[in-house]
């Protein structure tokens, strides 16, 4: 995975401190890499000896109100998980810009669908 792109780095020590305080079972050390591609919110892979996490954050710099709403993304994922959809588990949402420079949330894993493929309803079908 590529290193962090120029202008997208953040305080890794501050993130690790937040993770230790706010994420159950977190234990470092942590390696950080950035996914490349066309996402509007920068996305990172956080790898520890025991677990791999994904972090999505607002991009650095001034933003229009309501743009890049990672808070909304996290809320939707939590709601879908509570409704038994197989989505990644959100481990935390941080709206304190002082931690890494912008709001972010993290998730890991995706629960397997409890319904076998032959019995899935229309919400799982695509053409």
C-alpha atoms as a PDB file:
ATOM      1  CA  UNK A   1       0.000   0.000   0.000  1.00  0.00           C
ATOM      2  CA  UNK A   2       1.376   3.451  -0.854  1.00  0.00           C
ATOM      3  CA  UNK A   3       2.585   5.897   1.794  1.00  0.00           C
ATOM      4  CA  UNK A   4       0.567   8.971   2.723  1.00  0.00           C
ATOM      5  CA  UNK A   5       0.145  11.427  -0.130  1.00  0.00           C
ATOM      6  CA  UNK A   6       1.662  14.866   0.230  1.00  0.00           C
ATOM      7  CA  UNK A   7      -0.668  17.146   2.197  1.00  0.00           C
ATOM      8  CA  UNK A   8      -2.612  14.227   3.714  1.00  0.00           C
ATOM      9  CA  UNK A   9      -0.307  13.314   6.610  1.00  0.00           C
ATOM     10  CA  UNK A  10      -1.437  13.901  10.190  1.00  0.00           C
ATOM     11  CA  UNK A  11      -0.174  13.509  13.743  1.00  0.00           C
ATOM     12  CA  UNK A  12       0.129   9.724  14.046  1.00  0.00           C
ATOM     13  CA  UNK A  13       1.039   9.956  17.746  1.00  0.00           C
ATOM     14  CA  UNK A  14      -2.156  11.905  18.468  1.00  0.00           C
ATOM     15  CA  UNK A  15      -4.208   9.328  16.557  1.00  0.00           C
ATOM     16  CA  UNK A  16      -2.603   6.445  18.473  1.00  0.00           C
ATOM     17  CA  UNK A  17      -3.364   8.239  21.748  1.00  0.00           C
ATOM     18  CA  UNK A  18      -7.024   8.674  20.715  1.00  0.00           C
ATOM     19  CA  UNK A  19      -7.228   5.018  19.621  1.00  0.00           C
ATOM     20  CA  UNK A  20      -5.821   3.799  22.951  1.00  0.00           C
ATOM     21  CA  UNK A  21      -8.381   5.889  24.853  1.00  0.00           C
ATOM     22  CA  UNK A  22     -11.439   5.354  22.640  1.00  0.00           C
ATOM     23  CA  UNK A  23     -11.160   2.022  20.801  1.00  0.00           C
ATOM     24  CA  UNK A  24     -11.723  -1.166  22.787  1.00  0.00           C
ATOM     25  CA  UNK A  25      -8.834  -3.586  22.417  1.00  0.00           C
ATOM     26  CA  UNK A  26      -6.551  -1.228  20.513  1.00  0.00           C
ATOM     27  CA  UNK A  27      -2.866  -1.991  20.964  1.00  0.00           C
ATOM     28  CA  UNK A  28      -0.025  -0.545  18.891  1.00  0.00           C
ATOM     29  CA  UNK A  29       2.365  -0.085  17.365  1.00  0.00           C
ATOM     30  CA  UNK A  30       0.453   1.097  14.321  1.00  0.00           C
ATOM     31  CA  UNK A  31       1.496   1.461  10.692  1.00  0.00           C
ATOM     32  CA  UNK A  32      -0.491   3.848   8.491  1.00  0.00           C
ATOM     33  CA  UNK A  33      -0.922   3.725   4.721  1.00  0.00           C
ATOM     34  CA  UNK A  34      -3.302   5.652   2.490  1.00  0.00           C
ATOM     35  CA  UNK A  35      -5.621   4.085  -0.063  1.00  0.00           C
ATOM     36  CA  UNK A  36      -5.241   5.765  -3.416  1.00  0.00           C
ATOM     37  CA  UNK A  37      -8.068   6.482  -5.759  1.00  0.00           C
ATOM     38  CA  UNK A  38     -11.014   8.751  -6.287  1.00  0.00           C
ATOM     39  CA  UNK A  39     -12.658   8.889  -2.887  1.00  0.00           C
ATOM     40  CA  UNK A  40     -13.672  12.348  -1.708  1.00  0.00           C
ATOM     41  CA  UNK A  41     -12.720  11.629   1.899  1.00  0.00           C
ATOM     42  CA  UNK A  42      -9.141  10.393   2.382  1.00  0.00           C
ATOM     43  CA  UNK A  43      -9.099   6.787   3.540  1.00  0.00           C
ATOM     44  CA  UNK A  44      -6.284   5.071   5.436  1.00  0.00           C
ATOM     45  CA  UNK A  45      -5.373   1.555   6.513  1.00  0.00           C
ATOM     46  CA  UNK A  46      -4.182   1.315  10.110  1.00  0.00           C
ATOM     47  CA  UNK A  47      -2.337  -1.921  10.791  1.00  0.00           C
ATOM     48  CA  UNK A  48      -1.450  -3.172  14.257  1.00  0.00           C
ATOM     49  CA  UNK A  49      -0.045  -6.571  15.257  1.00  0.00           C
ATOM     50  CA  UNK A  50      -3.542  -7.756  16.190  1.00  0.00           C
ATOM     51  CA  UNK A  51      -5.973  -5.959  13.899  1.00  0.00           C
ATOM     52  CA  UNK A  52      -6.366  -3.931  10.735  1.00  0.00           C
ATOM     53  CA  UNK A  53      -8.584  -0.854  10.834  1.00  0.00           C
ATOM     54  CA  UNK A  54      -9.819   1.595   8.211  1.00  0.00           C
ATOM     55  CA  UNK A  55     -10.022   5.322   8.932  1.00  0.00           C
ATOM     56  CA  UNK A  56     -11.936   7.888   6.853  1.00  0.00           C
ATOM     57  CA  UNK A  57     -11.493  11.579   7.464  1.00  0.00           C
ATOM     58  CA  UNK A  58     -12.511  14.895   6.042  1.00  0.00           C
ATOM     59  CA  UNK A  59      -9.885  16.279   3.673  1.00  0.00           C
ATOM     60  CA  UNK A  60      -7.543  18.941   5.005  1.00  0.00           C
ATOM     61  CA  UNK A  61      -8.295  22.615   4.433  1.00  0.00           C
ATOM     62  CA  UNK A  62     -11.425  24.748   4.451  1.00  0.00           C
ATOM     63  CA  UNK A  63     -14.671  22.968   3.523  1.00  0.00           C
ATOM     64  CA  UNK A  64     -18.197  24.112   2.798  1.00  0.00           C
ATOM     65  CA  UNK A  65     -20.689  23.377   5.564  1.00  0.00           C
ATOM     66  CA  UNK A  66     -22.104  19.896   5.121  1.00  0.00           C
ATOM     67  CA  UNK A  67     -19.419  18.827   2.659  1.00  0.00           C
ATOM     68  CA  UNK A  68     -17.486  15.603   3.276  1.00  0.00           C
ATOM     69  CA  UNK A  69     -19.764  14.648   6.177  1.00  0.00           C
ATOM     70  CA  UNK A  70     -17.907  11.718   7.686  1.00  0.00           C
ATOM     71  CA  UNK A  71     -20.172  12.076  10.717  1.00  0.00           C
ATOM     72  CA  UNK A  72     -23.142  11.215   8.478  1.00  0.00           C
ATOM     73  CA  UNK A  73     -21.287   8.262   6.926  1.00  0.00           C
ATOM     74  CA  UNK A  74     -20.562   6.835  10.382  1.00  0.00           C
ATOM     75  CA  UNK A  75     -24.165   7.340  11.505  1.00  0.00           C
ATOM     76  CA  UNK A  76     -25.496   5.534   8.414  1.00  0.00           C
ATOM     77  CA  UNK A  77     -23.133   2.579   8.934  1.00  0.00           C
ATOM     78  CA  UNK A  78     -24.138   2.296  12.597  1.00  0.00           C
ATOM     79  CA  UNK A  79     -27.832   2.371  11.637  1.00  0.00           C
ATOM     80  CA  UNK A  80     -27.370  -0.274   8.959  1.00  0.00           C
ATOM     81  CA  UNK A  81     -25.461  -2.512  11.369  1.00  0.00           C
ATOM     82  CA  UNK A  82     -28.239  -2.156  13.956  1.00  0.00           C
ATOM     83  CA  UNK A  83     -30.748  -3.177  11.261  1.00  0.00           C
ATOM     84  CA  UNK A  84     -28.686  -6.367  10.688  1.00  0.00           C
ATOM     85  CA  UNK A  85     -27.166  -5.357   7.346  1.00  0.00           C
ATOM     86  CA  UNK A  86     -23.679  -6.804   6.789  1.00  0.00           C
ATOM     87  CA  UNK A  87     -21.642  -3.610   7.027  1.00  0.00           C
ATOM     88  CA  UNK A  88     -18.302  -2.835   8.687  1.00  0.00           C
ATOM     89  CA  UNK A  89     -18.444  -2.133  12.419  1.00  0.00           C
ATOM     90  CA  UNK A  90     -17.753   1.516  13.278  1.00  0.00           C
ATOM     91  CA  UNK A  91     -15.330   1.562  16.209  1.00  0.00           C
ATOM     92  CA  UNK A  92     -15.370   5.293  16.748  1.00  0.00           C
ATOM     93  CA  UNK A  93     -16.190   8.771  15.533  1.00  0.00           C
ATOM     94  CA  UNK A  94     -14.028  11.746  16.460  1.00  0.00           C
ATOM     95  CA  UNK A  95     -15.360  15.238  15.770  1.00  0.00           C
ATOM     96  CA  UNK A  96     -12.466  16.954  17.560  1.00  0.00           C
ATOM     97  CA  UNK A  97     -10.413  18.584  14.785  1.00  0.00           C
ATOM     98  CA  UNK A  98      -7.449  18.963  17.130  1.00  0.00           C
ATOM     99  CA  UNK A  99      -6.690  15.211  17.094  1.00  0.00           C
ATOM    100  CA  UNK A 100      -5.624  14.808  13.438  1.00  0.00           C
ATOM    101  CA  UNK A 101      -6.767  18.075  11.862  1.00  0.00           C
ATOM    102  CA  UNK A 102     -10.290  17.066  10.840  1.00  0.00           C
ATOM    103  CA  UNK A 103     -13.197  14.867  11.919  1.00  0.00           C
ATOM    104  CA  UNK A 104     -12.791  11.136  11.237  1.00  0.00           C
ATOM    105  CA  UNK A 105     -14.306   7.751  11.925  1.00  0.00           C
ATOM    106  CA  UNK A 106     -12.968   4.250  11.771  1.00  0.00           C
ATOM    107  CA  UNK A 107     -14.277   0.795  11.082  1.00  0.00           C
ATOM    108  CA  UNK A 108     -13.159  -2.769  10.703  1.00  0.00           C
ATOM    109  CA  UNK A 109     -14.454  -5.987   9.239  1.00  0.00           C
ATOM    110  CA  UNK A 110     -17.807  -6.700   7.735  1.00  0.00           C
ATOM    111  CA  UNK A 111     -20.211  -9.164   9.231  1.00  0.00           C
ATOM    112  CA  UNK A 112     -21.089 -12.008   6.884  1.00  0.00           C
ATOM    113  CA  UNK A 113     -24.653 -11.953   5.676  1.00  0.00           C
ATOM    114  CA  UNK A 114     -26.753 -14.271   7.883  1.00  0.00           C
ATOM    115  CA  UNK A 115     -28.953 -15.258   4.926  1.00  0.00           C
ATOM    116  CA  UNK A 116     -27.594 -17.697   2.369  1.00  0.00           C
ATOM    117  CA  UNK A 117     -27.278 -16.297  -1.179  1.00  0.00           C
ATOM    118  CA  UNK A 118     -30.196 -18.364  -2.504  1.00  0.00           C
ATOM    119  CA  UNK A 119     -32.620 -16.884   0.084  1.00  0.00           C
ATOM    120  CA  UNK A 120     -31.544 -13.235   0.003  1.00  0.00           C
ATOM    121  CA  UNK A 121     -34.279 -10.745  -0.721  1.00  0.00           C
ATOM    122  CA  UNK A 122     -34.282  -7.957  -3.327  1.00  0.00           C
ATOM    123  CA  UNK A 123     -32.131  -5.665  -1.182  1.00  0.00           C
ATOM    124  CA  UNK A 124     -29.139  -7.924  -1.901  1.00  0.00           C
ATOM    125  CA  UNK A 125     -29.748  -8.451  -5.631  1.00  0.00           C
ATOM    126  CA  UNK A 126     -28.044  -6.420  -8.303  1.00  0.00           C
ATOM    127  CA  UNK A 127     -28.203  -6.683 -12.057  1.00  0.00           C
END
